Amino acid sequence: MGKVLWHITMSLDGFVAGPGGDMSWMAGYEGPNPAVDEVLSRIGAVLIGHRTFFGPLGEGPAEGRVYGGAWTGPQLVYTRDIPEDPDPAYIFVDDLAEAVATAKAAAGDGYAVLIGAAIARACLDAGLLDEVLIHVVPTLLGDGTRLFDRPGGDGTRLEQLSVTHTPMCTNIWLRVPH
């Protein structure tokens, strides 16, 4: 079975979304990136967190197609508020361990990629996260959703797998020791 990967882009000051969940700051940071190409070729399924899927106002799918449509495959949403009339393009699951197990099964030997800061934190806390790939872009947001926020938290040591650079970002690939 594959691994659970948190794949995320972050500003230099540690934010993955701007105020109110704004993602427009990422425009202009697209471009050739071998790390992204590698991940896209290895994704078997994605597991999207509640706030990322529904948006900060809970109105419905917030960001459009996963990876801008560059990837297609099984998409799961972890939420305690499963819609009465769920979108058939998504599998909704209300238990974290079940959501991760279902995503890993759907991914086969590929990655089950987490999309969202809160779901990644929950998976890390539950011992369900295997790797993290962060694209650090040269911008300062000053406010928004932090990459990882655990007030009063205990340190979590990660192991570096690789660091690569492109003109648009620095890619940091890490392993979560179990």
C-alpha atoms as a PDB file:
ATOM      1  CA  MET A   1       0.000   0.000   0.000  1.00  0.00           C
ATOM      2  CA  GLY A   2       1.149   3.546  -0.699  1.00  0.00           C
ATOM      3  CA  LYS A   3       2.100   6.362   1.622  1.00  0.00           C
ATOM      4  CA  VAL A   4       0.243   9.381   2.964  1.00  0.00           C
ATOM      5  CA  LEU A   5       1.865  12.583   1.693  1.00  0.00           C
ATOM      6  CA  TRP A   6       1.062  16.136   2.722  1.00  0.00           C
ATOM      7  CA  HIS A   7       1.786  18.186  -0.414  1.00  0.00           C
ATOM      8  CA  ILE A   8       1.568  21.934   0.180  1.00  0.00           C
ATOM      9  CA  THR A   9       2.858  25.314  -0.963  1.00  0.00           C
ATOM     10  CA  MET A  10       3.905  27.785   1.732  1.00  0.00           C
ATOM     11  CA  SER A  11       4.925  31.433   1.854  1.00  0.00           C
ATOM     12  CA  LEU A  12       8.343  32.231   3.260  1.00  0.00           C
ATOM     13  CA  ASP A  13       6.705  33.404   6.501  1.00  0.00           C
ATOM     14  CA  GLY A  14       4.918  30.082   7.020  1.00  0.00           C
ATOM     15  CA  PHE A  15       1.391  30.558   5.646  1.00  0.00           C
ATOM     16  CA  VAL A  16      -0.390  28.129   3.313  1.00  0.00           C
ATOM     17  CA  ALA A  17      -3.431  30.370   2.775  1.00  0.00           C
ATOM     18  CA  GLY A  18      -3.894  34.094   3.126  1.00  0.00           C
ATOM     19  CA  PRO A  19      -6.485  35.819   5.318  1.00  0.00           C
ATOM     20  CA  GLY A  20      -9.941  34.308   4.903  1.00  0.00           C
ATOM     21  CA  GLY A  21      -8.499  31.280   3.111  1.00  0.00           C
ATOM     22  CA  ASP A  22      -7.373  33.372   0.121  1.00  0.00           C
ATOM     23  CA  MET A  23      -5.246  31.384  -2.318  1.00  0.00           C
ATOM     24  CA  SER A  24      -4.754  34.087  -4.960  1.00  0.00           C
ATOM     25  CA  TRP A  25      -1.230  34.759  -3.642  1.00  0.00           C
ATOM     26  CA  MET A  26      -0.063  31.589  -5.374  1.00  0.00           C
ATOM     27  CA  ALA A  27      -0.636  33.038  -8.854  1.00  0.00           C
ATOM     28  CA  GLY A  28       2.633  33.533 -10.652  1.00  0.00           C
ATOM     29  CA  TYR A  29       4.473  30.725  -8.863  1.00  0.00           C
ATOM     30  CA  GLU A  30       3.549  28.072 -11.385  1.00  0.00           C
ATOM     31  CA  GLY A  31       6.246  26.798 -13.640  1.00  0.00           C
ATOM     32  CA  PRO A  32       8.423  23.804 -14.332  1.00  0.00           C
ATOM     33  CA  ASN A  33       9.119  21.869 -11.153  1.00  0.00           C
ATOM     34  CA  PRO A  34      10.462  18.299 -11.244  1.00  0.00           C
ATOM     35  CA  ALA A  35       9.226  17.658  -7.668  1.00  0.00           C
ATOM     36  CA  VAL A  36       5.653  18.495  -8.700  1.00  0.00           C
ATOM     37  CA  ASP A  37       5.973  16.346 -11.824  1.00  0.00           C
ATOM     38  CA  GLU A  38       7.173  13.431  -9.679  1.00  0.00           C
ATOM     39  CA  VAL A  39       4.301  13.797  -7.211  1.00  0.00           C
ATOM     40  CA  LEU A  40       1.674  14.116  -9.943  1.00  0.00           C
ATOM     41  CA  SER A  41       2.925  10.897 -11.524  1.00  0.00           C
ATOM     42  CA  ARG A  42       2.680   9.048  -8.195  1.00  0.00           C
ATOM     43  CA  ILE A  43      -0.658  10.261  -6.785  1.00  0.00           C
ATOM     44  CA  GLY A  44      -3.236   7.517  -6.456  1.00  0.00           C
ATOM     45  CA  ALA A  45      -5.877   9.433  -4.473  1.00  0.00           C
ATOM     46  CA  VAL A  46      -6.384  12.728  -2.656  1.00  0.00           C
ATOM     47  CA  LEU A  47      -7.906  13.290   0.763  1.00  0.00           C
ATOM     48  CA  ILE A  48      -9.249  16.805   1.203  1.00  0.00           C
ATOM     49  CA  GLY A  49      -9.996  18.374   4.560  1.00  0.00           C
ATOM     50  CA  HIS A  50     -13.385  19.890   5.406  1.00  0.00           C
ATOM     51  CA  ARG A  51     -12.386  23.569   5.334  1.00  0.00           C
ATOM     52  CA  THR A  52     -10.317  23.180   2.191  1.00  0.00           C
ATOM     53  CA  PHE A  53     -13.200  21.481   0.397  1.00  0.00           C
ATOM     54  CA  PHE A  54     -16.087  23.618   1.640  1.00  0.00           C
ATOM     55  CA  GLY A  55     -14.138  26.875   1.926  1.00  0.00           C
ATOM     56  CA  PRO A  56     -13.920  29.162   4.935  1.00  0.00           C
ATOM     57  CA  LEU A  57     -17.610  30.073   4.647  1.00  0.00           C
ATOM     58  CA  GLY A  58     -18.801  26.485   4.171  1.00  0.00           C
ATOM     59  CA  GLU A  59     -20.395  27.261   0.817  1.00  0.00           C
ATOM     60  CA  GLY A  60     -19.246  24.283  -1.207  1.00  0.00           C
ATOM     61  CA  PRO A  61     -16.186  23.202  -3.194  1.00  0.00           C
ATOM     62  CA  ALA A  62     -13.881  26.158  -2.725  1.00  0.00           C
ATOM     63  CA  GLU A  63     -10.882  25.838  -4.976  1.00  0.00           C
ATOM     64  CA  GLY A  64     -12.070  24.085  -8.101  1.00  0.00           C
ATOM     65  CA  ARG A  65     -10.311  21.054  -9.517  1.00  0.00           C
ATOM     66  CA  VAL A  66      -7.461  19.379  -7.665  1.00  0.00           C
ATOM     67  CA  TYR A  67      -4.098  20.434  -9.092  1.00  0.00           C
ATOM     68  CA  GLY A  68      -5.957  22.687 -11.512  1.00  0.00           C
ATOM     69  CA  GLY A  69      -7.130  19.603 -13.401  1.00  0.00           C
ATOM     70  CA  ALA A  70      -3.579  18.294 -13.997  1.00  0.00           C
ATOM     71  CA  TRP A  71      -4.500  15.202 -11.967  1.00  0.00           C
ATOM     72  CA  THR A  72      -7.659  13.113 -11.901  1.00  0.00           C
ATOM     73  CA  GLY A  73      -8.549  10.146  -9.754  1.00  0.00           C
ATOM     74  CA  PRO A  74     -10.300   9.182  -6.507  1.00  0.00           C
ATOM     75  CA  GLN A  75     -11.079  12.190  -4.321  1.00  0.00           C
ATOM     76  CA  LEU A  76     -12.164  11.833  -0.709  1.00  0.00           C
ATOM     77  CA  VAL A  77     -13.351  14.493   1.712  1.00  0.00           C
ATOM     78  CA  TYR A  78     -12.913  14.129   5.457  1.00  0.00           C
ATOM     79  CA  THR A  79     -15.778  15.931   7.173  1.00  0.00           C
ATOM     80  CA  ARG A  80     -18.112  15.402  10.089  1.00  0.00           C
ATOM     81  CA  ASP A  81     -20.791  17.227   8.070  1.00  0.00           C
ATOM     82  CA  ILE A  82     -21.497  14.916   5.148  1.00  0.00           C
ATOM     83  CA  PRO A  83     -23.883  16.707   2.755  1.00  0.00           C
ATOM     84  CA  GLU A  84     -27.416  15.335   2.427  1.00  0.00           C
ATOM     85  CA  ASP A  85     -26.993  15.331  -1.351  1.00  0.00           C
ATOM     86  CA  PRO A  86     -23.241  14.652  -1.780  1.00  0.00           C
ATOM     87  CA  ASP A  87     -21.401  15.401  -4.997  1.00  0.00           C
ATOM     88  CA  PRO A  88     -20.858  11.978  -6.640  1.00  0.00           C
ATOM     89  CA  ALA A  89     -17.359  13.028  -7.752  1.00  0.00           C
ATOM     90  CA  TYR A  90     -16.229  12.754  -4.111  1.00  0.00           C
ATOM     91  CA  ILE A  91     -16.287  10.107  -1.400  1.00  0.00           C
ATOM     92  CA  PHE A  92     -17.259  11.671   1.934  1.00  0.00           C
ATOM     93  CA  VAL A  93     -15.974  10.038   5.118  1.00  0.00           C
ATOM     94  CA  ASP A  94     -16.575  11.216   8.706  1.00  0.00           C
ATOM     95  CA  ASP A  95     -13.895   9.189  10.528  1.00  0.00           C
ATOM     96  CA  LEU A  96     -10.239  10.172  10.099  1.00  0.00           C
ATOM     97  CA  ALA A  97      -8.721   6.676  10.336  1.00  0.00           C
ATOM     98  CA  GLU A  98     -11.343   5.331   7.920  1.00  0.00           C
ATOM     99  CA  ALA A  99     -10.772   8.256   5.535  1.00  0.00           C
ATOM    100  CA  VAL A 100      -7.008   7.638   5.478  1.00  0.00           C
ATOM    101  CA  ALA A 101      -7.431   3.868   5.078  1.00  0.00           C
ATOM    102  CA  THR A 102      -9.917   4.391   2.227  1.00  0.00           C
ATOM    103  CA  ALA A 103      -7.611   6.918   0.521  1.00  0.00           C
ATOM    104  CA  LYS A 104      -4.615   4.587   0.850  1.00  0.00           C
ATOM    105  CA  ALA A 105      -6.602   1.674  -0.553  1.00  0.00           C
ATOM    106  CA  ALA A 106      -7.774   3.838  -3.470  1.00  0.00           C
ATOM    107  CA  ALA A 107      -4.180   5.033  -4.040  1.00  0.00           C
ATOM    108  CA  GLY A 108      -2.807   1.501  -4.362  1.00  0.00           C
ATOM    109  CA  ASP A 109       0.982   1.808  -4.548  1.00  0.00           C
ATOM    110  CA  GLY A 110       0.734   5.563  -5.128  1.00  0.00           C
ATOM    111  CA  TYR A 111       0.495   8.454  -2.733  1.00  0.00           C
ATOM    112  CA  ALA A 112      -2.652   9.329  -0.851  1.00  0.00           C
ATOM    113  CA  VAL A 113      -2.134  13.098  -0.850  1.00  0.00           C
ATOM    114  CA  LEU A 114      -3.554  15.290   1.909  1.00  0.00           C
ATOM    115  CA  ILE A 115      -4.929  18.670   0.938  1.00  0.00           C
ATOM    116  CA  GLY A 116      -5.464  21.041   3.855  1.00  0.00           C
ATOM    117  CA  ALA A 117      -3.563  22.145   6.949  1.00  0.00           C
ATOM    118  CA  ALA A 118      -6.042  20.904   9.562  1.00  0.00           C
ATOM    119  CA  ILE A 119      -6.340  17.402   8.104  1.00  0.00           C
ATOM    120  CA  ALA A 120      -2.552  17.147   7.849  1.00  0.00           C
ATOM    121  CA  ARG A 121      -2.183  18.172  11.500  1.00  0.00           C
ATOM    122  CA  ALA A 122      -4.839  15.616  12.509  1.00  0.00           C
ATOM    123  CA  CYS A 123      -3.059  12.890  10.525  1.00  0.00           C
ATOM    124  CA  LEU A 124       0.298  13.799  12.061  1.00  0.00           C
ATOM    125  CA  ASP A 125      -1.225  13.716  15.555  1.00  0.00           C
ATOM    126  CA  ALA A 126      -2.807  10.313  14.817  1.00  0.00           C
ATOM    127  CA  GLY A 127       0.427   8.844  13.427  1.00  0.00           C
ATOM    128  CA  LEU A 128      -1.072   8.528   9.927  1.00  0.00           C
ATOM    129  CA  LEU A 129       1.256  10.866   7.995  1.00  0.00           C
ATOM    130  CA  ASP A 130       4.313   9.424   6.211  1.00  0.00           C
ATOM    131  CA  GLU A 131       5.853  12.280   4.217  1.00  0.00           C
ATOM    132  CA  VAL A 132       5.634  16.039   3.682  1.00  0.00           C
ATOM    133  CA  LEU A 133       6.543  17.940   0.510  1.00  0.00           C
ATOM    134  CA  ILE A 134       6.596  21.711   0.974  1.00  0.00           C
ATOM    135  CA  HIS A 135       7.138  24.197  -1.831  1.00  0.00           C
ATOM    136  CA  VAL A 136       8.423  27.387  -0.193  1.00  0.00           C
ATOM    137  CA  VAL A 137       7.798  30.424  -2.386  1.00  0.00           C
ATOM    138  CA  PRO A 138       9.460  33.820  -1.965  1.00  0.00           C
ATOM    139  CA  THR A 139       6.531  35.856  -0.718  1.00  0.00           C
ATOM    140  CA  LEU A 140       5.497  37.170   2.688  1.00  0.00           C
ATOM    141  CA  LEU A 141       1.781  37.046   3.527  1.00  0.00           C
ATOM    142  CA  GLY A 142       1.904  38.267   7.127  1.00  0.00           C
ATOM    143  CA  ASP A 143      -1.374  36.555   8.063  1.00  0.00           C
ATOM    144  CA  GLY A 144      -3.565  33.607   7.185  1.00  0.00           C
ATOM    145  CA  THR A 145      -3.482  29.868   7.796  1.00  0.00           C
ATOM    146  CA  ARG A 146      -0.162  28.640   9.135  1.00  0.00           C
ATOM    147  CA  LEU A 147       1.513  25.558   7.711  1.00  0.00           C
ATOM    148  CA  PHE A 148       1.402  23.938  11.121  1.00  0.00           C
ATOM    149  CA  ASP A 149      -0.163  25.423  14.197  1.00  0.00           C
ATOM    150  CA  ARG A 150      -0.310  23.642  17.531  1.00  0.00           C
ATOM    151  CA  PRO A 151      -0.375  26.224  20.365  1.00  0.00           C
ATOM    152  CA  GLY A 152       1.784  25.040  23.228  1.00  0.00           C
ATOM    153  CA  GLY A 153       2.754  22.126  21.016  1.00  0.00           C
ATOM    154  CA  ASP A 154       5.452  19.565  21.413  1.00  0.00           C
ATOM    155  CA  GLY A 155       8.174  19.450  18.808  1.00  0.00           C
ATOM    156  CA  THR A 156       7.863  16.992  15.949  1.00  0.00           C
ATOM    157  CA  ARG A 157      11.170  15.964  14.413  1.00  0.00           C
ATOM    158  CA  LEU A 158      11.095  15.186  10.687  1.00  0.00           C
ATOM    159  CA  GLU A 159      13.811  13.617   8.538  1.00  0.00           C
ATOM    160  CA  GLN A 160      14.964  15.424   5.416  1.00  0.00           C
ATOM    161  CA  LEU A 161      14.731  13.369   2.241  1.00  0.00           C
ATOM    162  CA  SER A 162      15.706  16.072  -0.245  1.00  0.00           C
ATOM    163  CA  VAL A 163      15.915  19.791  -0.915  1.00  0.00           C
ATOM    164  CA  THR A 164      15.737  21.053  -4.496  1.00  0.00           C
ATOM    165  CA  HIS A 165      15.392  24.482  -6.031  1.00  0.00           C
ATOM    166  CA  THR A 166      13.575  25.939  -9.007  1.00  0.00           C
ATOM    167  CA  PRO A 167      13.404  29.584 -10.082  1.00  0.00           C
ATOM    168  CA  MET A 168       9.952  29.768  -8.408  1.00  0.00           C
ATOM    169  CA  CYS A 169      10.467  27.895  -5.125  1.00  0.00           C
ATOM    170  CA  THR A 170      12.474  25.633  -2.865  1.00  0.00           C
ATOM    171  CA  ASN A 171      11.134  22.081  -2.489  1.00  0.00           C
ATOM    172  CA  ILE A 172      11.642  20.437   0.895  1.00  0.00           C
ATOM    173  CA  TRP A 173      10.729  16.732   1.047  1.00  0.00           C
ATOM    174  CA  LEU A 174      10.546  15.218   4.524  1.00  0.00           C
ATOM    175  CA  ARG A 175       9.767  11.880   6.142  1.00  0.00           C
ATOM    176  CA  VAL A 176       7.778  11.506   9.340  1.00  0.00           C
ATOM    177  CA  PRO A 177       9.467   8.905  11.541  1.00  0.00           C
ATOM    178  CA  HIS A 178       7.071   6.350  13.032  1.00  0.00           C
END
